[in-house]
Amino acid sequence: STIEFTGALHATVIKQVRLKNPSKKPLIYNAIFRGRDADDFLLPKGNTVTIAPKKQASVNVEFTIRFLRPAEALLLLTSHGIDAATLTFSLKSEVKHIEPAGVTKCKSPCYEL
């Protein structure tokens, strides 16, 4: 599935991914970001996710919009120990608007001899 990060240029956007553990054993995932813009995405609580048996957990994915072009990356969640499926999420961004950082007024003659 695809997770879309939309917002203003230079804004930090946080999205949640909900993971479920239907097994009777704890499930531990290691998160890896891959792709052109992988360095711009992060998990604020670290790259290891533990889900208790028969429970669910939410994982925050954080992204700061630095460029006007769309950013793209993959989030791979691989399990440790238990034979759980590797989960893959496509991460994409879109700039919806640009907020000015400030306004500067200048006064200058148009022409001088």
C-alpha atoms as a PDB file:
ATOM      1  CA  SER A   1       0.000   0.000   0.000  1.00  0.00           C
ATOM      2  CA  THR A   2       0.993   3.643  -0.455  1.00  0.00           C
ATOM      3  CA  ILE A   3       1.357   6.234   2.287  1.00  0.00           C
ATOM      4  CA  GLU A   4       1.088   9.824   1.046  1.00  0.00           C
ATOM      5  CA  PHE A   5       2.753  12.735   2.823  1.00  0.00           C
ATOM      6  CA  THR A   6       1.181  16.040   1.756  1.00  0.00           C
ATOM      7  CA  GLY A   7       1.749  19.487   3.181  1.00  0.00           C
ATOM      8  CA  ALA A   8       3.580  22.776   2.865  1.00  0.00           C
ATOM      9  CA  LEU A   9       7.185  23.070   1.775  1.00  0.00           C
ATOM     10  CA  HIS A  10       9.497  22.588   4.831  1.00  0.00           C
ATOM     11  CA  ALA A  11       6.642  21.144   6.925  1.00  0.00           C
ATOM     12  CA  THR A  12       7.116  17.941   8.911  1.00  0.00           C
ATOM     13  CA  VAL A  13       4.358  15.399   8.269  1.00  0.00           C
ATOM     14  CA  ILE A  14       3.749  12.358  10.479  1.00  0.00           C
ATOM     15  CA  LYS A  15       1.720   9.346   9.326  1.00  0.00           C
ATOM     16  CA  GLN A  16       0.763   6.268  11.332  1.00  0.00           C
ATOM     17  CA  VAL A  17       1.043   2.669  10.183  1.00  0.00           C
ATOM     18  CA  ARG A  18      -1.020   0.188  12.202  1.00  0.00           C
ATOM     19  CA  LEU A  19       0.435  -3.297  12.511  1.00  0.00           C
ATOM     20  CA  LYS A  20      -1.357  -6.365  13.933  1.00  0.00           C
ATOM     21  CA  ASN A  21       0.122  -9.495  15.463  1.00  0.00           C
ATOM     22  CA  PRO A  22      -2.340 -12.414  15.210  1.00  0.00           C
ATOM     23  CA  SER A  23       0.170 -14.958  16.573  1.00  0.00           C
ATOM     24  CA  LYS A  24       0.712 -16.159  20.153  1.00  0.00           C
ATOM     25  CA  LYS A  25       4.341 -14.985  20.168  1.00  0.00           C
ATOM     26  CA  PRO A  26       5.763 -11.452  20.217  1.00  0.00           C
ATOM     27  CA  LEU A  27       6.583 -10.101  16.779  1.00  0.00           C
ATOM     28  CA  ILE A  28       9.678  -7.970  16.217  1.00  0.00           C
ATOM     29  CA  TYR A  29      10.171  -6.023  12.991  1.00  0.00           C
ATOM     30  CA  ASN A  30      13.245  -4.190  11.779  1.00  0.00           C
ATOM     31  CA  ALA A  31      12.409  -1.127   9.648  1.00  0.00           C
ATOM     32  CA  ILE A  32      14.558  -0.187   6.654  1.00  0.00           C
ATOM     33  CA  PHE A  33      13.995   2.717   4.267  1.00  0.00           C
ATOM     34  CA  ARG A  34      15.129   2.254   0.664  1.00  0.00           C
ATOM     35  CA  GLY A  35      14.979   4.426  -2.442  1.00  0.00           C
ATOM     36  CA  ARG A  36      16.021   7.781  -3.812  1.00  0.00           C
ATOM     37  CA  ASP A  37      14.730   9.801  -0.843  1.00  0.00           C
ATOM     38  CA  ALA A  38      15.098   7.183   1.915  1.00  0.00           C
ATOM     39  CA  ASP A  39      17.246   9.507   4.060  1.00  0.00           C
ATOM     40  CA  ASP A  40      14.361  11.999   4.379  1.00  0.00           C
ATOM     41  CA  PHE A  41      12.052   9.514   6.144  1.00  0.00           C
ATOM     42  CA  LEU A  42      12.464   8.284   9.711  1.00  0.00           C
ATOM     43  CA  LEU A  43      10.823   6.429  12.557  1.00  0.00           C
ATOM     44  CA  PRO A  44      11.060   8.772  15.592  1.00  0.00           C
ATOM     45  CA  LYS A  45      10.986   5.870  18.094  1.00  0.00           C
ATOM     46  CA  GLY A  46      13.737   3.877  16.377  1.00  0.00           C
ATOM     47  CA  ASN A  47      13.907   1.253  13.650  1.00  0.00           C
ATOM     48  CA  THR A  48      12.787  -1.700  15.778  1.00  0.00           C
ATOM     49  CA  VAL A  49       9.065  -2.346  16.256  1.00  0.00           C
ATOM     50  CA  THR A  50       7.784  -4.891  18.808  1.00  0.00           C
ATOM     51  CA  ILE A  51       4.175  -6.075  18.787  1.00  0.00           C
ATOM     52  CA  ALA A  52       2.848  -8.124  21.708  1.00  0.00           C
ATOM     53  CA  PRO A  53       0.947 -11.385  21.004  1.00  0.00           C
ATOM     54  CA  LYS A  54      -2.643 -10.884  19.797  1.00  0.00           C
ATOM     55  CA  LYS A  55      -2.160  -7.080  19.901  1.00  0.00           C
ATOM     56  CA  GLN A  56      -1.659  -4.232  17.479  1.00  0.00           C
ATOM     57  CA  ALA A  57       0.765  -1.312  17.419  1.00  0.00           C
ATOM     58  CA  SER A  58       0.950   2.012  15.621  1.00  0.00           C
ATOM     59  CA  VAL A  59       4.234   3.156  14.122  1.00  0.00           C
ATOM     60  CA  ASN A  60       4.838   6.830  13.313  1.00  0.00           C
ATOM     61  CA  VAL A  61       6.645   7.602  10.055  1.00  0.00           C
ATOM     62  CA  GLU A  62       8.021  11.147   9.874  1.00  0.00           C
ATOM     63  CA  PHE A  63       8.935  13.129   6.767  1.00  0.00           C
ATOM     64  CA  THR A  64      10.088  16.735   6.299  1.00  0.00           C
ATOM     65  CA  ILE A  65       9.221  18.155   2.871  1.00  0.00           C
ATOM     66  CA  ARG A  66      12.474  19.696   1.598  1.00  0.00           C
ATOM     67  CA  PHE A  67      11.971  19.855  -2.173  1.00  0.00           C
ATOM     68  CA  LEU A  68       9.204  20.812  -4.603  1.00  0.00           C
ATOM     69  CA  ARG A  69       9.607  17.544  -6.503  1.00  0.00           C
ATOM     70  CA  PRO A  70       7.771  14.491  -5.133  1.00  0.00           C
ATOM     71  CA  ALA A  71       9.848  12.329  -2.793  1.00  0.00           C
ATOM     72  CA  GLU A  72       9.693   8.543  -3.066  1.00  0.00           C
ATOM     73  CA  ALA A  73      10.944   5.712  -0.880  1.00  0.00           C
ATOM     74  CA  LEU A  74      10.026   2.255   0.392  1.00  0.00           C
ATOM     75  CA  LEU A  75       9.515   1.217   4.004  1.00  0.00           C
ATOM     76  CA  LEU A  76      10.454  -2.445   4.493  1.00  0.00           C
ATOM     77  CA  LEU A  77       9.528  -4.207   7.736  1.00  0.00           C
ATOM     78  CA  THR A  78      11.340  -7.526   8.131  1.00  0.00           C
ATOM     79  CA  SER A  79      10.664  -9.881  11.036  1.00  0.00           C
ATOM     80  CA  HIS A  80      13.160 -11.370  13.469  1.00  0.00           C
ATOM     81  CA  GLY A  81      12.742 -14.915  14.749  1.00  0.00           C
ATOM     82  CA  ILE A  82       9.135 -15.671  13.801  1.00  0.00           C
ATOM     83  CA  ASP A  83       8.287 -16.531  10.219  1.00  0.00           C
ATOM     84  CA  ALA A  84       6.254 -13.415   9.563  1.00  0.00           C
ATOM     85  CA  ALA A  85       5.754 -11.816   6.183  1.00  0.00           C
ATOM     86  CA  THR A  86       7.952  -8.912   5.155  1.00  0.00           C
ATOM     87  CA  LEU A  87       5.768  -5.815   4.882  1.00  0.00           C
ATOM     88  CA  THR A  88       6.408  -3.194   2.207  1.00  0.00           C
ATOM     89  CA  PHE A  89       4.948   0.306   2.042  1.00  0.00           C
ATOM     90  CA  SER A  90       5.446   2.838  -0.740  1.00  0.00           C
ATOM     91  CA  LEU A  91       6.082   6.361   0.602  1.00  0.00           C
ATOM     92  CA  LYS A  92       5.345   9.395  -1.568  1.00  0.00           C
ATOM     93  CA  SER A  93       5.165  13.122  -0.948  1.00  0.00           C
ATOM     94  CA  GLU A  94       3.425  16.070  -2.545  1.00  0.00           C
ATOM     95  CA  VAL A  95       3.804  19.788  -1.853  1.00  0.00           C
ATOM     96  CA  LYS A  96       0.332  21.317  -1.526  1.00  0.00           C
ATOM     97  CA  HIS A  97       1.380  24.925  -0.920  1.00  0.00           C
ATOM     98  CA  ILE A  98       4.359  27.134  -0.154  1.00  0.00           C
ATOM     99  CA  GLU A  99       4.412  29.434   2.846  1.00  0.00           C
ATOM    100  CA  PRO A 100       6.681  32.469   2.501  1.00  0.00           C
ATOM    101  CA  ALA A 101       9.492  32.502   5.070  1.00  0.00           C
ATOM    102  CA  GLY A 102       9.188  36.276   5.309  1.00  0.00           C
ATOM    103  CA  VAL A 103       8.732  39.505   3.373  1.00  0.00           C
ATOM    104  CA  THR A 104      11.520  41.989   2.768  1.00  0.00           C
ATOM    105  CA  LYS A 105      10.836  45.494   1.509  1.00  0.00           C
ATOM    106  CA  CYS A 106      13.574  47.249  -0.436  1.00  0.00           C
ATOM    107  CA  LYS A 107      13.725  50.821  -1.666  1.00  0.00           C
ATOM    108  CA  SER A 108      16.054  51.590  -4.521  1.00  0.00           C
ATOM    109  CA  PRO A 109      16.151  54.057  -7.411  1.00  0.00           C
ATOM    110  CA  CYS A 110      15.341  52.540 -10.771  1.00  0.00           C
ATOM    111  CA  TYR A 111      17.925  54.646 -12.591  1.00  0.00           C
ATOM    112  CA  GLU A 112      20.805  56.954 -11.684  1.00  0.00           C
ATOM    113  CA  LEU A 113      23.017  59.078 -13.924  1.00  0.00           C
END
